[in-house]
């Protein structure tokens, strides 16, 4: 099976979006938040949101379902 650029892009989009969701889920865990400095907490939240947004921006270019 040969992979096309669309298949590769769809895989990257899915991975980026899943990573963003995982970072946000970890960020909402109260134990994790108690032990980190405020800068790290805010940084992880922003990073997770940016990764999810990047997935939505790249997704329309794939032209199909992922």
PDB file of N, CA and C in Angstrom:
ATOM      1  N   UNK A   1       0.842  -1.180   0.000  1.00  0.00           N
ATOM      2  CA  UNK A   1       0.000   0.000   0.000  1.00  0.00           C
ATOM      3  C   UNK A   1       0.886   1.243   0.000  1.00  0.00           C
ATOM      4  N   UNK A   2       0.629   2.118  -0.912  1.00  0.00           N
ATOM      5  CA  UNK A   2       1.413   3.344  -1.011  1.00  0.00           C
ATOM      6  C   UNK A   2       0.692   4.464  -0.282  1.00  0.00           C
ATOM      7  N   UNK A   3       1.483   5.250   0.394  1.00  0.00           N
ATOM      8  CA  UNK A   3       0.919   6.389   1.115  1.00  0.00           C
ATOM      9  C   UNK A   3       1.019   7.639   0.257  1.00  0.00           C
ATOM     10  N   UNK A   4      -0.060   8.355   0.183  1.00  0.00           N
ATOM     11  CA  UNK A   4      -0.084   9.608  -0.562  1.00  0.00           C
ATOM     12  C   UNK A   4       0.177  10.755   0.403  1.00  0.00           C
ATOM     13  N   UNK A   5       0.499  11.923  -0.112  1.00  0.00           N
ATOM     14  CA  UNK A   5       0.681  13.077   0.775  1.00  0.00           C
ATOM     15  C   UNK A   5      -0.574  13.381   1.598  1.00  0.00           C
ATOM     16  N   UNK A   6      -1.756  13.082   1.045  1.00  0.00           N
ATOM     17  CA  UNK A   6      -2.994  13.324   1.788  1.00  0.00           C
ATOM     18  C   UNK A   6      -3.088  12.395   2.987  1.00  0.00           C
ATOM     19  N   UNK A   7      -2.659  11.132   2.812  1.00  0.00           N
ATOM     20  CA  UNK A   7      -2.666  10.183   3.924  1.00  0.00           C
ATOM     21  C   UNK A   7      -1.703  10.626   5.018  1.00  0.00           C
ATOM     22  N   UNK A   8      -0.537  11.076   4.607  1.00  0.00           N
ATOM     23  CA  UNK A   8       0.450  11.543   5.575  1.00  0.00           C
ATOM     24  C   UNK A   8      -0.059  12.768   6.311  1.00  0.00           C
ATOM     25  N   UNK A   9      -0.651  13.702   5.603  1.00  0.00           N
ATOM     26  CA  UNK A   9      -1.182  14.908   6.225  1.00  0.00           C
ATOM     27  C   UNK A   9      -2.319  14.574   7.181  1.00  0.00           C
ATOM     28  N   UNK A  10      -3.178  13.639   6.798  1.00  0.00           N
ATOM     29  CA  UNK A  10      -4.276  13.231   7.678  1.00  0.00           C
ATOM     30  C   UNK A  10      -3.731  12.610   8.957  1.00  0.00           C
ATOM     31  N   UNK A  11      -2.673  11.815   8.849  1.00  0.00           N
ATOM     32  CA  UNK A  11      -2.059  11.218  10.032  1.00  0.00           C
ATOM     33  C   UNK A  11      -1.469  12.287  10.942  1.00  0.00           C
ATOM     34  N   UNK A  12      -0.787  13.259  10.364  1.00  0.00           N
ATOM     35  CA  UNK A  12      -0.188  14.343  11.149  1.00  0.00           C
ATOM     36  C   UNK A  12      -1.270  15.152  11.855  1.00  0.00           C
ATOM     37  N   UNK A  13      -2.352  15.450  11.161  1.00  0.00           N
ATOM     38  CA  UNK A  13      -3.450  16.217  11.757  1.00  0.00           C
ATOM     39  C   UNK A  13      -4.047  15.460  12.933  1.00  0.00           C
ATOM     40  N   UNK A  14      -4.289  14.170  12.749  1.00  0.00           N
ATOM     41  CA  UNK A  14      -4.870  13.372  13.830  1.00  0.00           C
ATOM     42  C   UNK A  14      -3.925  13.318  15.024  1.00  0.00           C
ATOM     43  N   UNK A  15      -2.638  13.158  14.781  1.00  0.00           N
ATOM     44  CA  UNK A  15      -1.668  13.097  15.864  1.00  0.00           C
ATOM     45  C   UNK A  15      -1.582  14.421  16.608  1.00  0.00           C
ATOM     46  N   UNK A  16      -1.547  15.534  15.878  1.00  0.00           N
ATOM     47  CA  UNK A  16      -1.474  16.852  16.511  1.00  0.00           C
ATOM     48  C   UNK A  16      -2.714  17.109  17.357  1.00  0.00           C
ATOM     49  N   UNK A  17      -3.874  16.795  16.832  1.00  0.00           N
ATOM     50  CA  UNK A  17      -5.115  17.030  17.568  1.00  0.00           C
ATOM     51  C   UNK A  17      -5.194  16.145  18.803  1.00  0.00           C
ATOM     52  N   UNK A  18      -4.802  14.878  18.674  1.00  0.00           N
ATOM     53  CA  UNK A  18      -4.814  13.982  19.832  1.00  0.00           C
ATOM     54  C   UNK A  18      -3.824  14.433  20.894  1.00  0.00           C
ATOM     55  N   UNK A  19      -2.675  14.916  20.469  1.00  0.00           N
ATOM     56  CA  UNK A  19      -1.694  15.423  21.423  1.00  0.00           C
ATOM     57  C   UNK A  19      -2.235  16.640  22.161  1.00  0.00           C
ATOM     58  N   UNK A  20      -2.892  17.524  21.447  1.00  0.00           N
ATOM     59  CA  UNK A  20      -3.494  18.694  22.089  1.00  0.00           C
ATOM     60  C   UNK A  20      -4.543  18.306  23.109  1.00  0.00           C
ATOM     61  N   UNK A  21      -5.388  17.333  22.764  1.00  0.00           N
ATOM     62  CA  UNK A  21      -6.414  16.874  23.705  1.00  0.00           C
ATOM     63  C   UNK A  21      -5.780  16.224  24.927  1.00  0.00           C
ATOM     64  N   UNK A  22      -4.712  15.468  24.729  1.00  0.00           N
ATOM     65  CA  UNK A  22      -4.038  14.825  25.856  1.00  0.00           C
ATOM     66  C   UNK A  22      -3.407  15.854  26.786  1.00  0.00           C
ATOM     67  N   UNK A  23      -2.804  16.886  26.227  1.00  0.00           N
ATOM     68  CA  UNK A  23      -2.190  17.926  27.055  1.00  0.00           C
ATOM     69  C   UNK A  23      -3.247  18.655  27.864  1.00  0.00           C
ATOM     70  N   UNK A  24      -4.381  18.950  27.265  1.00  0.00           N
ATOM     71  CA  UNK A  24      -5.455  19.623  28.004  1.00  0.00           C
ATOM     72  C   UNK A  24      -5.997  18.707  29.100  1.00  0.00           C
ATOM     73  N   UNK A  25      -6.155  17.417  28.816  1.00  0.00           N
ATOM     74  CA  UNK A  25      -6.652  16.484  29.830  1.00  0.00           C
ATOM     75  C   UNK A  25      -5.705  16.411  31.015  1.00  0.00           C
ATOM     76  N   UNK A  26      -4.420  16.364  30.748  1.00  0.00           N
ATOM     77  CA  UNK A  26      -3.438  16.345  31.832  1.00  0.00           C
ATOM     78  C   UNK A  26      -3.471  17.663  32.588  1.00  0.00           C
ATOM     79  N   UNK A  27      -3.646  18.749  31.868  1.00  0.00           N
ATOM     80  CA  UNK A  27      -3.692  20.055  32.514  1.00  0.00           C
ATOM     81  C   UNK A  27      -4.861  20.211  33.458  1.00  0.00           C
ATOM     82  N   UNK A  28      -5.995  19.557  33.166  1.00  0.00           N
ATOM     83  CA  UNK A  28      -7.162  19.661  34.027  1.00  0.00           C
ATOM     84  C   UNK A  28      -7.077  18.765  35.260  1.00  0.00           C
ATOM     85  N   UNK A  29      -6.135  17.855  35.295  1.00  0.00           N
ATOM     86  CA  UNK A  29      -5.990  16.986  36.464  1.00  0.00           C
ATOM     87  C   UNK A  29      -5.534  17.832  37.653  1.00  0.00           C
ATOM     88  N   UNK A  30      -6.297  17.815  38.708  1.00  0.00           N
ATOM     89  CA  UNK A  30      -6.024  18.713  39.835  1.00  0.00           C
ATOM     90  C   UNK A  30      -4.695  18.395  40.512  1.00  0.00           C
ATOM     91  N   UNK A  31      -4.328  17.139  40.607  1.00  0.00           N
ATOM     92  CA  UNK A  31      -3.069  16.801  41.253  1.00  0.00           C
ATOM     93  C   UNK A  31      -1.901  17.378  40.476  1.00  0.00           C
ATOM     94  N   UNK A  32      -1.969  17.282  39.177  1.00  0.00           N
ATOM     95  CA  UNK A  32      -0.907  17.800  38.325  1.00  0.00           C
ATOM     96  C   UNK A  32      -0.785  19.310  38.491  1.00  0.00           C
ATOM     97  N   UNK A  33      -1.935  19.992  38.569  1.00  0.00           N
ATOM     98  CA  UNK A  33      -1.921  21.440  38.715  1.00  0.00           C
ATOM     99  C   UNK A  33      -1.385  21.882  40.070  1.00  0.00           C
ATOM    100  N   UNK A  34      -1.602  21.115  41.114  1.00  0.00           N
ATOM    101  CA  UNK A  34      -1.146  21.510  42.442  1.00  0.00           C
ATOM    102  C   UNK A  34       0.368  21.577  42.526  1.00  0.00           C
ATOM    103  N   UNK A  35       1.043  20.736  41.815  1.00  0.00           N
ATOM    104  CA  UNK A  35       2.496  20.609  41.953  1.00  0.00           C
ATOM    105  C   UNK A  35       3.307  21.491  40.990  1.00  0.00           C
ATOM    106  N   UNK A  36       2.669  22.070  40.012  1.00  0.00           N
ATOM    107  CA  UNK A  36       3.396  22.860  39.017  1.00  0.00           C
ATOM    108  C   UNK A  36       3.301  24.352  39.306  1.00  0.00           C
ATOM    109  N   UNK A  37       4.310  25.060  38.853  1.00  0.00           N
ATOM    110  CA  UNK A  37       4.287  26.519  38.955  1.00  0.00           C
ATOM    111  C   UNK A  37       3.237  27.077  37.996  1.00  0.00           C
ATOM    112  N   UNK A  38       2.780  28.281  38.273  1.00  0.00           N
ATOM    113  CA  UNK A  38       1.722  28.897  37.473  1.00  0.00           C
ATOM    114  C   UNK A  38       2.116  29.014  35.999  1.00  0.00           C
ATOM    115  N   UNK A  39       3.353  29.356  35.728  1.00  0.00           N
ATOM    116  CA  UNK A  39       3.812  29.496  34.343  1.00  0.00           C
ATOM    117  C   UNK A  39       3.676  28.207  33.547  1.00  0.00           C
ATOM    118  N   UNK A  40       4.025  27.078  34.157  1.00  0.00           N
ATOM    119  CA  UNK A  40       3.897  25.794  33.484  1.00  0.00           C
ATOM    120  C   UNK A  40       2.434  25.448  33.245  1.00  0.00           C
ATOM    121  N   UNK A  41       1.575  25.722  34.222  1.00  0.00           N
ATOM    122  CA  UNK A  41       0.148  25.421  34.067  1.00  0.00           C
ATOM    123  C   UNK A  41      -0.444  26.203  32.900  1.00  0.00           C
ATOM    124  N   UNK A  42      -0.154  27.480  32.850  1.00  0.00           N
ATOM    125  CA  UNK A  42      -0.668  28.319  31.765  1.00  0.00           C
ATOM    126  C   UNK A  42      -0.066  27.880  30.427  1.00  0.00           C
ATOM    127  N   UNK A  43       1.214  27.575  30.432  1.00  0.00           N
ATOM    128  CA  UNK A  43       1.891  27.149  29.207  1.00  0.00           C
ATOM    129  C   UNK A  43       1.318  25.871  28.628  1.00  0.00           C
ATOM    130  N   UNK A  44       1.049  24.880  29.489  1.00  0.00           N
ATOM    131  CA  UNK A  44       0.460  23.631  29.009  1.00  0.00           C
ATOM    132  C   UNK A  44      -0.943  23.853  28.466  1.00  0.00           C
ATOM    133  N   UNK A  45      -1.712  24.688  29.107  1.00  0.00           N
ATOM    134  CA  UNK A  45      -3.059  24.992  28.610  1.00  0.00           C
ATOM    135  C   UNK A  45      -3.027  25.646  27.245  1.00  0.00           C
ATOM    136  N   UNK A  46      -2.149  26.638  27.092  1.00  0.00           N
ATOM    137  CA  UNK A  46      -2.025  27.337  25.810  1.00  0.00           C
ATOM    138  C   UNK A  46      -1.513  26.387  24.724  1.00  0.00           C
ATOM    139  N   UNK A  47      -0.532  25.552  25.065  1.00  0.00           N
ATOM    140  CA  UNK A  47       0.009  24.609  24.088  1.00  0.00           C
ATOM    141  C   UNK A  47      -1.056  23.625  23.617  1.00  0.00           C
ATOM    142  N   UNK A  48      -1.846  23.108  24.535  1.00  0.00           N
ATOM    143  CA  UNK A  48      -2.908  22.181  24.156  1.00  0.00           C
ATOM    144  C   UNK A  48      -3.920  22.821  23.231  1.00  0.00           C
ATOM    145  N   UNK A  49      -4.326  24.036  23.555  1.00  0.00           N
ATOM    146  CA  UNK A  49      -5.296  24.746  22.720  1.00  0.00           C
ATOM    147  C   UNK A  49      -4.715  25.038  21.335  1.00  0.00           C
ATOM    148  N   UNK A  50      -3.454  25.452  21.287  1.00  0.00           N
ATOM    149  CA  UNK A  50      -2.826  25.733  19.993  1.00  0.00           C
ATOM    150  C   UNK A  50      -2.722  24.484  19.122  1.00  0.00           C
ATOM    151  N   UNK A  51      -2.421  23.338  19.733  1.00  0.00           N
ATOM    152  CA  UNK A  51      -2.325  22.108  18.947  1.00  0.00           C
ATOM    153  C   UNK A  51      -3.683  21.699  18.386  1.00  0.00           C
ATOM    154  N   UNK A  52      -4.733  21.865  19.169  1.00  0.00           N
ATOM    155  CA  UNK A  52      -6.069  21.540  18.665  1.00  0.00           C
ATOM    156  C   UNK A  52      -6.454  22.487  17.530  1.00  0.00           C
ATOM    157  N   UNK A  53      -6.169  23.774  17.688  1.00  0.00           N
ATOM    158  CA  UNK A  53      -6.466  24.743  16.629  1.00  0.00           C
ATOM    159  C   UNK A  53      -5.669  24.417  15.364  1.00  0.00           C
ATOM    160  N   UNK A  54      -4.400  24.028  15.530  1.00  0.00           N
ATOM    161  CA  UNK A  54      -3.581  23.666  14.373  1.00  0.00           C
ATOM    162  C   UNK A  54      -4.183  22.476  13.637  1.00  0.00           C
ATOM    163  N   UNK A  55      -4.723  21.518  14.378  1.00  0.00           N
ATOM    164  CA  UNK A  55      -5.376  20.375  13.738  1.00  0.00           C
ATOM    165  C   UNK A  55      -6.579  20.792  12.923  1.00  0.00           C
ATOM    166  N   UNK A  56      -7.367  21.743  13.438  1.00  0.00           N
ATOM    167  CA  UNK A  56      -8.538  22.220  12.698  1.00  0.00           C
ATOM    168  C   UNK A  56      -8.137  23.048  11.481  1.00  0.00           C
ATOM    169  N   UNK A  57      -7.025  23.751  11.565  1.00  0.00           N
ATOM    170  CA  UNK A  57      -6.574  24.559  10.424  1.00  0.00           C
ATOM    171  C   UNK A  57      -6.037  23.657   9.314  1.00  0.00           C
ATOM    172  N   UNK A  58      -5.295  22.622   9.674  1.00  0.00           N
ATOM    173  CA  UNK A  58      -4.704  21.731   8.683  1.00  0.00           C
ATOM    174  C   UNK A  58      -5.754  20.785   8.107  1.00  0.00           C
ATOM    175  N   UNK A  59      -6.755  20.402   8.890  1.00  0.00           N
ATOM    176  CA  UNK A  59      -7.735  19.384   8.485  1.00  0.00           C
ATOM    177  C   UNK A  59      -8.427  19.677   7.158  1.00  0.00           C
ATOM    178  N   UNK A  60      -8.907  20.898   6.899  1.00  0.00           N
ATOM    179  CA  UNK A  60      -9.603  21.136   5.624  1.00  0.00           C
ATOM    180  C   UNK A  60      -8.740  20.861   4.393  1.00  0.00           C
ATOM    181  N   UNK A  61      -7.444  20.885   4.544  1.00  0.00           N
ATOM    182  CA  UNK A  61      -6.567  20.639   3.406  1.00  0.00           C
ATOM    183  C   UNK A  61      -6.516  19.166   3.020  1.00  0.00           C
ATOM    184  N   UNK A  62      -6.943  18.265   3.920  1.00  0.00           N
ATOM    185  CA  UNK A  62      -6.857  16.836   3.617  1.00  0.00           C
ATOM    186  C   UNK A  62      -7.929  16.402   2.640  1.00  0.00           C
ATOM    187  N   UNK A  63      -9.087  17.054   2.663  1.00  0.00           N
ATOM    188  CA  UNK A  63     -10.146  16.730   1.724  1.00  0.00           C
ATOM    189  C   UNK A  63     -10.901  15.464   2.044  1.00  0.00           C
ATOM    190  N   UNK A  64     -10.814  14.973   3.275  1.00  0.00           N
ATOM    191  CA  UNK A  64     -11.538  13.761   3.634  1.00  0.00           C
ATOM    192  C   UNK A  64     -11.558  13.541   5.124  1.00  0.00           C
ATOM    193  N   UNK A  65     -12.104  12.401   5.507  1.00  0.00           N
ATOM    194  CA  UNK A  65     -12.180  12.055   6.922  1.00  0.00           C
ATOM    195  C   UNK A  65     -10.855  11.480   7.383  1.00  0.00           C
ATOM    196  N   UNK A  66     -10.550  11.730   8.666  1.00  0.00           N
ATOM    197  CA  UNK A  66      -9.342  11.141   9.247  1.00  0.00           C
ATOM    198  C   UNK A  66      -9.719  10.026  10.163  1.00  0.00           C
TER     199      UNK A  66
END
